[in-house]
N, C-alpha and C. Protein backbone atom coordinates (compact mmCIF):
# COMPACT_ATOMS: atom_id res chain seq x y z
N UNK A 1 0.85 -1.17 0.00
CA UNK A 1 0.00 0.00 0.00
C UNK A 1 0.90 1.24 0.00
N UNK A 2 0.51 2.24 -0.78
CA UNK A 2 1.23 3.50 -0.73
C UNK A 2 0.25 4.63 -0.44
N UNK A 3 0.76 5.85 -0.40
CA UNK A 3 -0.07 6.98 0.01
C UNK A 3 -1.24 7.20 -0.92
N UNK A 4 -1.05 6.97 -2.22
CA UNK A 4 -2.15 7.21 -3.16
C UNK A 4 -3.31 6.25 -2.94
N UNK A 5 -3.07 5.10 -2.33
CA UNK A 5 -4.14 4.15 -2.03
C UNK A 5 -5.10 4.68 -0.96
N UNK A 6 -4.68 5.71 -0.22
CA UNK A 6 -5.54 6.27 0.82
C UNK A 6 -6.56 7.27 0.28
N UNK A 7 -6.50 7.59 -1.00
CA UNK A 7 -7.42 8.58 -1.56
C UNK A 7 -8.88 8.18 -1.33
N UNK A 8 -9.23 6.94 -1.62
CA UNK A 8 -10.60 6.46 -1.43
C UNK A 8 -11.04 6.47 0.02
N UNK A 9 -10.27 5.83 0.93
CA UNK A 9 -10.68 5.84 2.33
C UNK A 9 -10.79 7.25 2.92
N UNK A 10 -9.88 8.15 2.54
CA UNK A 10 -9.97 9.52 3.06
C UNK A 10 -11.22 10.22 2.55
N UNK A 11 -11.52 10.05 1.29
CA UNK A 11 -12.73 10.67 0.73
C UNK A 11 -13.98 10.09 1.37
N UNK A 12 -13.93 8.79 1.71
CA UNK A 12 -15.08 8.12 2.32
C UNK A 12 -15.44 8.70 3.69
N UNK A 13 -14.44 9.20 4.42
CA UNK A 13 -14.71 9.77 5.74
C UNK A 13 -14.79 11.29 5.68
N UNK A 14 -15.03 11.83 4.51
CA UNK A 14 -15.23 13.27 4.38
C UNK A 14 -13.98 14.06 4.08
N UNK A 15 -12.89 13.40 3.82
CA UNK A 15 -11.63 14.10 3.52
C UNK A 15 -11.44 14.27 2.03
N UNK A 16 -12.37 14.99 1.40
CA UNK A 16 -12.28 15.15 -0.06
C UNK A 16 -11.03 15.92 -0.46
N UNK A 17 -10.62 16.89 0.34
CA UNK A 17 -9.40 17.65 0.03
C UNK A 17 -8.18 16.74 0.15
N UNK A 18 -8.03 16.08 1.29
CA UNK A 18 -6.87 15.20 1.47
C UNK A 18 -6.89 14.04 0.48
N UNK A 19 -8.06 13.46 0.27
CA UNK A 19 -8.17 12.35 -0.68
C UNK A 19 -7.79 12.78 -2.08
N UNK A 20 -8.25 13.97 -2.49
CA UNK A 20 -7.91 14.47 -3.81
C UNK A 20 -6.43 14.77 -3.95
N UNK A 21 -5.84 15.33 -2.91
CA UNK A 21 -4.41 15.64 -2.97
C UNK A 21 -3.56 14.39 -2.98
N UNK A 22 -3.91 13.44 -2.11
CA UNK A 22 -3.12 12.20 -2.04
C UNK A 22 -3.29 11.38 -3.31
N UNK A 23 -4.47 11.43 -3.93
CA UNK A 23 -4.70 10.67 -5.15
C UNK A 23 -4.24 11.37 -6.41
N UNK A 24 -3.78 12.61 -6.29
CA UNK A 24 -3.37 13.40 -7.45
C UNK A 24 -1.93 13.15 -7.86
N UNK A 25 -1.45 13.96 -8.80
CA UNK A 25 -0.10 13.74 -9.34
C UNK A 25 1.02 13.93 -8.31
N UNK A 26 0.79 14.70 -7.28
CA UNK A 26 1.81 14.89 -6.25
C UNK A 26 1.50 14.06 -5.02
N UNK A 27 0.70 13.00 -5.19
CA UNK A 27 0.19 12.22 -4.07
C UNK A 27 1.23 11.64 -3.14
N UNK A 28 2.30 11.08 -3.69
CA UNK A 28 3.31 10.47 -2.83
C UNK A 28 3.98 11.52 -1.96
N UNK A 29 4.31 12.66 -2.55
CA UNK A 29 4.96 13.72 -1.77
C UNK A 29 4.00 14.30 -0.74
N UNK A 30 2.75 14.48 -1.12
CA UNK A 30 1.75 15.00 -0.19
C UNK A 30 1.54 13.99 0.94
N UNK A 31 1.47 12.71 0.60
CA UNK A 31 1.27 11.68 1.62
C UNK A 31 2.37 11.68 2.66
N UNK A 32 3.60 11.87 2.21
CA UNK A 32 4.72 11.95 3.15
C UNK A 32 4.53 13.13 4.10
N UNK A 33 4.03 14.24 3.58
CA UNK A 33 3.88 15.45 4.40
C UNK A 33 2.72 15.34 5.39
N UNK A 34 1.62 14.71 4.97
CA UNK A 34 0.47 14.66 5.88
C UNK A 34 0.43 13.39 6.71
N UNK A 35 1.28 12.42 6.37
CA UNK A 35 1.28 11.16 7.10
C UNK A 35 1.51 11.32 8.59
N UNK A 36 2.44 12.19 8.95
CA UNK A 36 2.71 12.41 10.36
C UNK A 36 1.52 13.01 11.08
N UNK A 37 0.89 14.00 10.46
CA UNK A 37 -0.26 14.64 11.08
C UNK A 37 -1.43 13.67 11.20
N UNK A 38 -1.69 12.90 10.15
CA UNK A 38 -2.77 11.92 10.20
C UNK A 38 -2.49 10.84 11.23
N UNK A 39 -1.28 10.30 11.20
CA UNK A 39 -0.92 9.26 12.16
C UNK A 39 -1.03 9.75 13.59
N UNK A 40 -0.55 10.97 13.84
CA UNK A 40 -0.64 11.53 15.19
C UNK A 40 -2.07 11.74 15.63
N UNK A 41 -2.90 12.25 14.73
CA UNK A 41 -4.30 12.51 15.07
C UNK A 41 -5.07 11.21 15.31
N UNK A 42 -4.69 10.17 14.61
CA UNK A 42 -5.40 8.89 14.75
C UNK A 42 -4.74 7.97 15.78
N UNK A 43 -3.58 8.36 16.28
CA UNK A 43 -2.88 7.55 17.27
C UNK A 43 -2.26 6.29 16.71
N UNK A 44 -1.82 6.36 15.45
CA UNK A 44 -1.21 5.20 14.80
C UNK A 44 0.09 5.65 14.14
N UNK A 45 0.95 4.70 13.74
CA UNK A 45 2.17 5.08 13.02
C UNK A 45 1.83 5.80 11.71
N UNK A 46 2.75 6.62 11.26
CA UNK A 46 2.54 7.44 10.05
C UNK A 46 2.84 6.63 8.79
N UNK A 47 2.11 5.52 8.61
CA UNK A 47 2.23 4.71 7.40
C UNK A 47 0.87 4.60 6.74
N UNK A 48 0.84 4.43 5.43
CA UNK A 48 -0.46 4.30 4.75
C UNK A 48 -1.28 3.13 5.29
N UNK A 49 -0.59 2.03 5.60
CA UNK A 49 -1.31 0.84 6.10
C UNK A 49 -1.98 1.12 7.43
N UNK A 50 -1.23 1.71 8.36
CA UNK A 50 -1.79 1.97 9.69
C UNK A 50 -2.91 3.00 9.63
N UNK A 51 -2.74 4.02 8.82
CA UNK A 51 -3.78 5.05 8.70
C UNK A 51 -5.02 4.47 8.03
N UNK A 52 -4.84 3.66 6.99
CA UNK A 52 -5.98 3.01 6.34
C UNK A 52 -6.74 2.10 7.28
N UNK A 53 -5.99 1.35 8.11
CA UNK A 53 -6.64 0.46 9.09
C UNK A 53 -7.39 1.27 10.13
N UNK A 54 -6.82 2.40 10.57
CA UNK A 54 -7.50 3.24 11.57
C UNK A 54 -8.78 3.83 11.00
N UNK A 55 -8.77 4.19 9.73
CA UNK A 55 -9.99 4.71 9.10
C UNK A 55 -11.05 3.63 9.04
N UNK A 56 -10.65 2.41 8.67
CA UNK A 56 -11.60 1.30 8.60
C UNK A 56 -12.16 0.93 9.97
N UNK A 57 -11.31 0.97 11.01
CA UNK A 57 -11.73 0.57 12.35
C UNK A 57 -12.69 1.56 12.99
N UNK A 58 -12.44 2.84 12.82
CA UNK A 58 -13.27 3.85 13.47
C UNK A 58 -13.48 5.04 12.53
N UNK A 59 -14.42 4.90 11.58
CA UNK A 59 -14.62 5.95 10.59
C UNK A 59 -15.05 7.30 11.20
N UNK A 60 -15.80 7.27 12.29
CA UNK A 60 -16.25 8.52 12.89
C UNK A 60 -15.09 9.32 13.47
N UNK A 61 -14.22 8.66 14.24
CA UNK A 61 -13.04 9.34 14.79
C UNK A 61 -12.12 9.79 13.66
N UNK A 62 -11.99 8.95 12.64
CA UNK A 62 -11.14 9.31 11.49
C UNK A 62 -11.70 10.54 10.78
N UNK A 63 -13.02 10.60 10.65
CA UNK A 63 -13.64 11.75 9.99
C UNK A 63 -13.34 13.04 10.74
N UNK A 64 -13.42 12.99 12.06
CA UNK A 64 -13.11 14.18 12.85
C UNK A 64 -11.65 14.58 12.70
N UNK A 65 -10.76 13.61 12.76
CA UNK A 65 -9.33 13.90 12.63
C UNK A 65 -9.01 14.46 11.25
N UNK A 66 -9.60 13.87 10.22
CA UNK A 66 -9.36 14.32 8.85
C UNK A 66 -9.88 15.74 8.65
N UNK A 67 -11.06 16.02 9.16
CA UNK A 67 -11.61 17.38 9.04
C UNK A 67 -10.72 18.40 9.74
N UNK A 68 -10.22 18.04 10.91
CA UNK A 68 -9.32 18.94 11.64
C UNK A 68 -8.05 19.22 10.83
N UNK A 69 -7.47 18.18 10.28
CA UNK A 69 -6.23 18.33 9.50
C UNK A 69 -6.49 19.14 8.24
N UNK A 70 -7.63 18.90 7.59
CA UNK A 70 -7.95 19.68 6.39
C UNK A 70 -8.08 21.16 6.72
N UNK A 71 -8.72 21.47 7.84
CA UNK A 71 -8.86 22.87 8.23
C UNK A 71 -7.52 23.50 8.60
N UNK A 72 -6.69 22.72 9.29
CA UNK A 72 -5.42 23.27 9.77
C UNK A 72 -4.37 23.38 8.67
N UNK A 73 -4.26 22.34 7.83
CA UNK A 73 -3.18 22.29 6.85
C UNK A 73 -3.64 22.42 5.41
N UNK A 74 -4.94 22.52 5.15
CA UNK A 74 -5.45 22.53 3.79
C UNK A 74 -4.79 23.52 2.86
N UNK A 75 -4.76 24.82 3.19
CA UNK A 75 -4.14 25.78 2.27
C UNK A 75 -2.67 25.49 2.01
N UNK A 76 -1.95 25.08 3.06
CA UNK A 76 -0.53 24.76 2.89
C UNK A 76 -0.36 23.57 1.95
N UNK A 77 -1.19 22.54 2.12
CA UNK A 77 -1.08 21.35 1.28
C UNK A 77 -1.43 21.65 -0.17
N UNK A 78 -2.44 22.48 -0.38
CA UNK A 78 -2.80 22.86 -1.75
C UNK A 78 -1.64 23.62 -2.40
N UNK A 79 -1.06 24.56 -1.66
CA UNK A 79 0.08 25.31 -2.19
C UNK A 79 1.25 24.38 -2.51
N UNK A 80 1.48 23.39 -1.63
CA UNK A 80 2.56 22.44 -1.85
C UNK A 80 2.30 21.61 -3.11
N UNK A 81 1.08 21.15 -3.29
CA UNK A 81 0.74 20.37 -4.49
C UNK A 81 0.93 21.20 -5.75
N UNK A 82 0.50 22.45 -5.71
CA UNK A 82 0.69 23.32 -6.87
C UNK A 82 2.17 23.54 -7.16
N UNK A 83 2.97 23.69 -6.11
CA UNK A 83 4.41 23.88 -6.30
C UNK A 83 5.04 22.63 -6.91
N UNK A 84 4.62 21.44 -6.47
CA UNK A 84 5.14 20.19 -7.03
C UNK A 84 4.81 20.08 -8.52
N UNK A 85 3.58 20.38 -8.87
CA UNK A 85 3.15 20.29 -10.26
C UNK A 85 3.85 21.34 -11.11
N UNK A 86 3.98 22.55 -10.58
CA UNK A 86 4.67 23.62 -11.31
C UNK A 86 6.13 23.26 -11.55
N UNK A 87 6.77 22.67 -10.53
CA UNK A 87 8.17 22.28 -10.69
C UNK A 87 8.32 21.21 -11.77
N UNK A 88 7.46 20.20 -11.75
CA UNK A 88 7.53 19.13 -12.75
C UNK A 88 7.27 19.68 -14.15
N UNK A 89 6.32 20.59 -14.26
CA UNK A 89 6.01 21.20 -15.55
C UNK A 89 7.19 22.02 -16.05
N UNK A 90 7.78 22.83 -15.18
CA UNK A 90 8.93 23.64 -15.58
C UNK A 90 10.12 22.77 -15.96
N UNK A 91 10.34 21.69 -15.22
CA UNK A 91 11.43 20.77 -15.55
C UNK A 91 11.23 20.17 -16.93
N UNK A 92 10.00 19.76 -17.23
CA UNK A 92 9.71 19.21 -18.56
C UNK A 92 9.94 20.25 -19.65
N UNK A 93 9.53 21.49 -19.41
CA UNK A 93 9.76 22.57 -20.39
C UNK A 93 11.25 22.82 -20.59
N UNK A 94 11.99 22.87 -19.48
CA UNK A 94 13.43 23.11 -19.58
C UNK A 94 14.12 22.01 -20.37
N UNK A 95 13.76 20.77 -20.10
CA UNK A 95 14.37 19.66 -20.82
C UNK A 95 14.01 19.71 -22.29
N UNK A 96 12.80 20.10 -22.60
CA UNK A 96 12.36 20.15 -24.00
C UNK A 96 13.12 21.24 -24.77
N UNK A 97 13.38 22.39 -24.12
CA UNK A 97 14.08 23.46 -24.81
C UNK A 97 15.55 23.13 -25.03
N UNK A 98 16.11 22.23 -24.23
CA UNK A 98 17.51 21.84 -24.41
C UNK A 98 17.69 20.91 -25.60
N UNK A 99 16.60 20.44 -26.16
CA UNK A 99 16.71 19.52 -27.28
C UNK A 99 16.88 18.09 -26.81
N UNK A 100 17.30 17.23 -27.73
CA UNK A 100 17.37 15.81 -27.45
C UNK A 100 18.30 15.50 -26.29
N UNK A 101 19.36 16.26 -26.13
CA UNK A 101 20.31 15.96 -25.05
C UNK A 101 19.72 16.24 -23.68
N UNK A 102 18.70 17.08 -23.62
CA UNK A 102 18.09 17.40 -22.33
C UNK A 102 17.17 16.31 -21.81
N UNK A 103 16.51 15.61 -22.70
CA UNK A 103 15.56 14.59 -22.26
C UNK A 103 15.82 13.22 -22.88
N UNK A 104 16.58 13.16 -23.93
CA UNK A 104 16.78 11.90 -24.65
C UNK A 104 17.59 10.87 -23.88
N UNK A 105 18.44 11.30 -22.98
CA UNK A 105 19.26 10.34 -22.24
C UNK A 105 18.39 9.38 -21.45
N UNK A 106 17.24 9.85 -20.93
CA UNK A 106 16.36 8.95 -20.18
C UNK A 106 15.80 7.87 -21.09
N UNK A 107 15.39 8.29 -22.27
CA UNK A 107 14.85 7.29 -23.21
C UNK A 107 15.94 6.31 -23.63
N UNK A 108 17.11 6.84 -23.93
CA UNK A 108 18.21 5.96 -24.33
C UNK A 108 18.56 4.98 -23.23
N UNK A 109 18.69 5.48 -22.01
CA UNK A 109 19.02 4.61 -20.88
C UNK A 109 17.88 3.63 -20.62
N UNK A 110 16.64 4.12 -20.70
CA UNK A 110 15.50 3.26 -20.45
C UNK A 110 15.40 2.12 -21.46
N UNK A 111 15.62 2.43 -22.73
CA UNK A 111 15.53 1.39 -23.75
C UNK A 111 16.75 0.48 -23.75
N UNK A 112 17.88 0.95 -23.22
CA UNK A 112 19.08 0.11 -23.24
C UNK A 112 18.89 -1.15 -22.40
N UNK A 113 18.13 -1.06 -21.32
CA UNK A 113 17.96 -2.22 -20.44
C UNK A 113 17.20 -3.35 -21.15
N UNK A 114 16.00 -3.10 -21.73
CA UNK A 114 15.34 -4.23 -22.41
C UNK A 114 16.08 -4.71 -23.65
N UNK A 115 16.72 -3.79 -24.39
CA UNK A 115 17.46 -4.22 -25.58
C UNK A 115 18.62 -5.11 -25.18
N UNK A 116 19.41 -4.68 -24.19
CA UNK A 116 20.52 -5.52 -23.73
C UNK A 116 20.02 -6.80 -23.07
N UNK A 117 18.87 -6.73 -22.42
CA UNK A 117 18.29 -7.94 -21.83
C UNK A 117 17.92 -8.96 -22.88
N UNK A 118 17.31 -8.50 -23.98
CA UNK A 118 16.96 -9.42 -25.08
C UNK A 118 18.23 -9.99 -25.69
N UNK A 119 19.25 -9.16 -25.84
CA UNK A 119 20.53 -9.64 -26.37
C UNK A 119 21.13 -10.69 -25.44
N UNK A 120 21.12 -10.38 -24.15
CA UNK A 120 21.75 -11.24 -23.15
C UNK A 120 21.00 -12.56 -22.98
N UNK A 121 19.68 -12.52 -23.02
CA UNK A 121 18.88 -13.71 -22.70
C UNK A 121 18.37 -14.48 -23.90
N UNK A 122 18.32 -13.85 -25.07
CA UNK A 122 17.72 -14.52 -26.23
C UNK A 122 18.69 -14.60 -27.41
N UNK A 123 19.10 -13.46 -27.91
CA UNK A 123 19.91 -13.43 -29.13
C UNK A 123 21.30 -14.03 -28.89
N UNK A 124 21.96 -13.61 -27.80
CA UNK A 124 23.30 -14.14 -27.50
C UNK A 124 23.33 -15.65 -27.38
N UNK A 125 22.42 -16.26 -26.59
CA UNK A 125 22.43 -17.72 -26.50
C UNK A 125 22.14 -18.43 -27.83
N UNK A 126 21.30 -17.82 -28.68
CA UNK A 126 21.02 -18.43 -30.00
C UNK A 126 22.29 -18.39 -30.85
N UNK A 127 22.98 -17.25 -30.86
CA UNK A 127 24.22 -17.16 -31.62
C UNK A 127 25.24 -18.15 -31.08
N UNK A 128 25.32 -18.29 -29.77
CA UNK A 128 26.24 -19.24 -29.15
C UNK A 128 25.90 -20.66 -29.56
N UNK A 129 24.60 -20.99 -29.58
CA UNK A 129 24.19 -22.35 -29.94
C UNK A 129 24.49 -22.66 -31.41
N UNK A 130 24.32 -21.67 -32.30
CA UNK A 130 24.51 -21.89 -33.73
C UNK A 130 25.98 -21.88 -34.11
N UNK A 131 26.73 -20.91 -33.59
CA UNK A 131 28.12 -20.75 -34.03
C UNK A 131 29.16 -21.23 -33.02
N UNK A 132 28.76 -21.37 -31.78
CA UNK A 132 29.71 -21.75 -30.75
C UNK A 132 30.49 -20.56 -30.19
N UNK A 133 30.20 -19.37 -30.69
CA UNK A 133 30.88 -18.16 -30.23
C UNK A 133 30.10 -17.52 -29.08
N UNK A 134 30.79 -17.07 -28.06
CA UNK A 134 30.16 -16.37 -26.95
C UNK A 134 30.14 -14.89 -27.26
N UNK A 135 28.95 -14.32 -27.35
CA UNK A 135 28.81 -12.89 -27.68
C UNK A 135 28.12 -12.11 -26.57
N UNK A 136 27.95 -12.73 -25.43
CA UNK A 136 27.33 -12.05 -24.30
C UNK A 136 28.36 -11.88 -23.19
N UNK A 137 27.99 -11.04 -22.22
CA UNK A 137 28.85 -10.85 -21.06
C UNK A 137 28.32 -11.69 -19.91
N UNK A 138 29.03 -11.64 -18.83
CA UNK A 138 28.58 -12.31 -17.62
C UNK A 138 27.22 -11.73 -17.23
N UNK A 139 26.27 -12.58 -16.89
CA UNK A 139 24.92 -12.12 -16.58
C UNK A 139 24.90 -11.17 -15.39
N UNK A 140 25.78 -11.36 -14.44
CA UNK A 140 25.82 -10.47 -13.27
C UNK A 140 26.19 -9.04 -13.68
N UNK A 141 27.00 -8.90 -14.74
CA UNK A 141 27.33 -7.55 -15.23
C UNK A 141 26.09 -6.88 -15.80
N UNK A 142 25.26 -7.63 -16.51
CA UNK A 142 24.02 -7.07 -17.04
C UNK A 142 23.07 -6.68 -15.92
N UNK A 143 22.95 -7.51 -14.90
CA UNK A 143 22.07 -7.21 -13.77
C UNK A 143 22.56 -5.95 -13.05
N UNK A 144 23.86 -5.83 -12.87
CA UNK A 144 24.41 -4.63 -12.22
C UNK A 144 24.13 -3.39 -13.06
N UNK A 145 24.33 -3.48 -14.38
CA UNK A 145 24.05 -2.35 -15.27
C UNK A 145 22.58 -1.97 -15.21
N UNK A 146 21.71 -2.96 -15.29
CA UNK A 146 20.27 -2.69 -15.26
C UNK A 146 19.87 -2.04 -13.94
N UNK A 147 20.46 -2.49 -12.84
CA UNK A 147 20.15 -1.91 -11.54
C UNK A 147 20.60 -0.47 -11.43
N UNK A 148 21.79 -0.18 -11.94
CA UNK A 148 22.31 1.19 -11.88
C UNK A 148 21.47 2.11 -12.76
N UNK A 149 21.18 1.69 -13.98
CA UNK A 149 20.38 2.52 -14.89
C UNK A 149 19.00 2.75 -14.31
N UNK A 150 18.38 1.72 -13.80
CA UNK A 150 17.04 1.86 -13.25
C UNK A 150 17.04 2.79 -12.04
N UNK A 151 18.05 2.68 -11.20
CA UNK A 151 18.13 3.55 -10.03
C UNK A 151 18.23 5.01 -10.43
N UNK A 152 19.10 5.33 -11.36
CA UNK A 152 19.25 6.72 -11.78
C UNK A 152 18.09 7.18 -12.64
N UNK A 153 17.55 6.30 -13.46
CA UNK A 153 16.43 6.66 -14.33
C UNK A 153 15.18 6.97 -13.51
N UNK A 154 15.02 6.28 -12.41
CA UNK A 154 13.87 6.51 -11.55
C UNK A 154 14.12 7.65 -10.56
N UNK A 155 15.18 8.38 -10.73
CA UNK A 155 15.46 9.51 -9.87
C UNK A 155 16.01 9.15 -8.52
N UNK A 156 16.42 7.91 -8.36
CA UNK A 156 16.98 7.49 -7.08
C UNK A 156 15.92 7.19 -6.03
N UNK A 157 14.64 7.37 -6.36
CA UNK A 157 13.60 7.17 -5.35
C UNK A 157 13.55 5.71 -4.89
N UNK A 158 13.75 4.78 -5.82
CA UNK A 158 13.74 3.37 -5.46
C UNK A 158 14.85 3.07 -4.46
N UNK A 159 16.03 3.53 -4.75
CA UNK A 159 17.16 3.31 -3.86
C UNK A 159 16.91 4.00 -2.51
N UNK A 160 16.38 5.22 -2.56
CA UNK A 160 16.10 5.96 -1.32
C UNK A 160 15.07 5.24 -0.48
N UNK A 161 14.05 4.69 -1.11
CA UNK A 161 13.02 4.00 -0.33
C UNK A 161 13.54 2.69 0.27
N UNK A 162 14.46 2.04 -0.41
CA UNK A 162 15.01 0.80 0.12
C UNK A 162 16.01 1.08 1.23
N UNK A 163 16.95 1.99 0.99
CA UNK A 163 17.98 2.26 1.98
C UNK A 163 17.49 3.15 3.10
N UNK A 164 16.41 3.91 2.85
CA UNK A 164 15.89 4.80 3.87
C UNK A 164 15.20 4.08 5.01
N UNK A 165 14.83 2.84 4.79
CA UNK A 165 14.16 2.07 5.85
C UNK A 165 15.19 1.47 6.70
């Protein structure tokens, strides 16, 4: 479960603002920001699972807590969501104006993993079987390359979420 999964339960207990923000394009970032407040108000850890369970267990208490948080933090959260979206939009515009070198590296890196994977797992072994020549590298080198590319291509969030725990 992640923060965006809480959009439905929050809306169900009257948290249309929080549910809309958490379910929107900046949902993960918003969820991180409101998780502490929601968890504290509900008396549970600041995780999507614990907050979702607290909403299911006692919807009336959750509704009161959610309404309080919406009143207290609503304008700040809306401003934060707008800032997140504006930043992403500006980043996309900046990359587009730089030409292919500004945004193309992600596509190149992204496509390199499946192309090299097909070479490593399908084409290379067929060539080896037909000609007896080895044209692939050690599989662990491919796995390491794919992991590094994926980590940087995803903005490091995957690595941060794994090592951050």
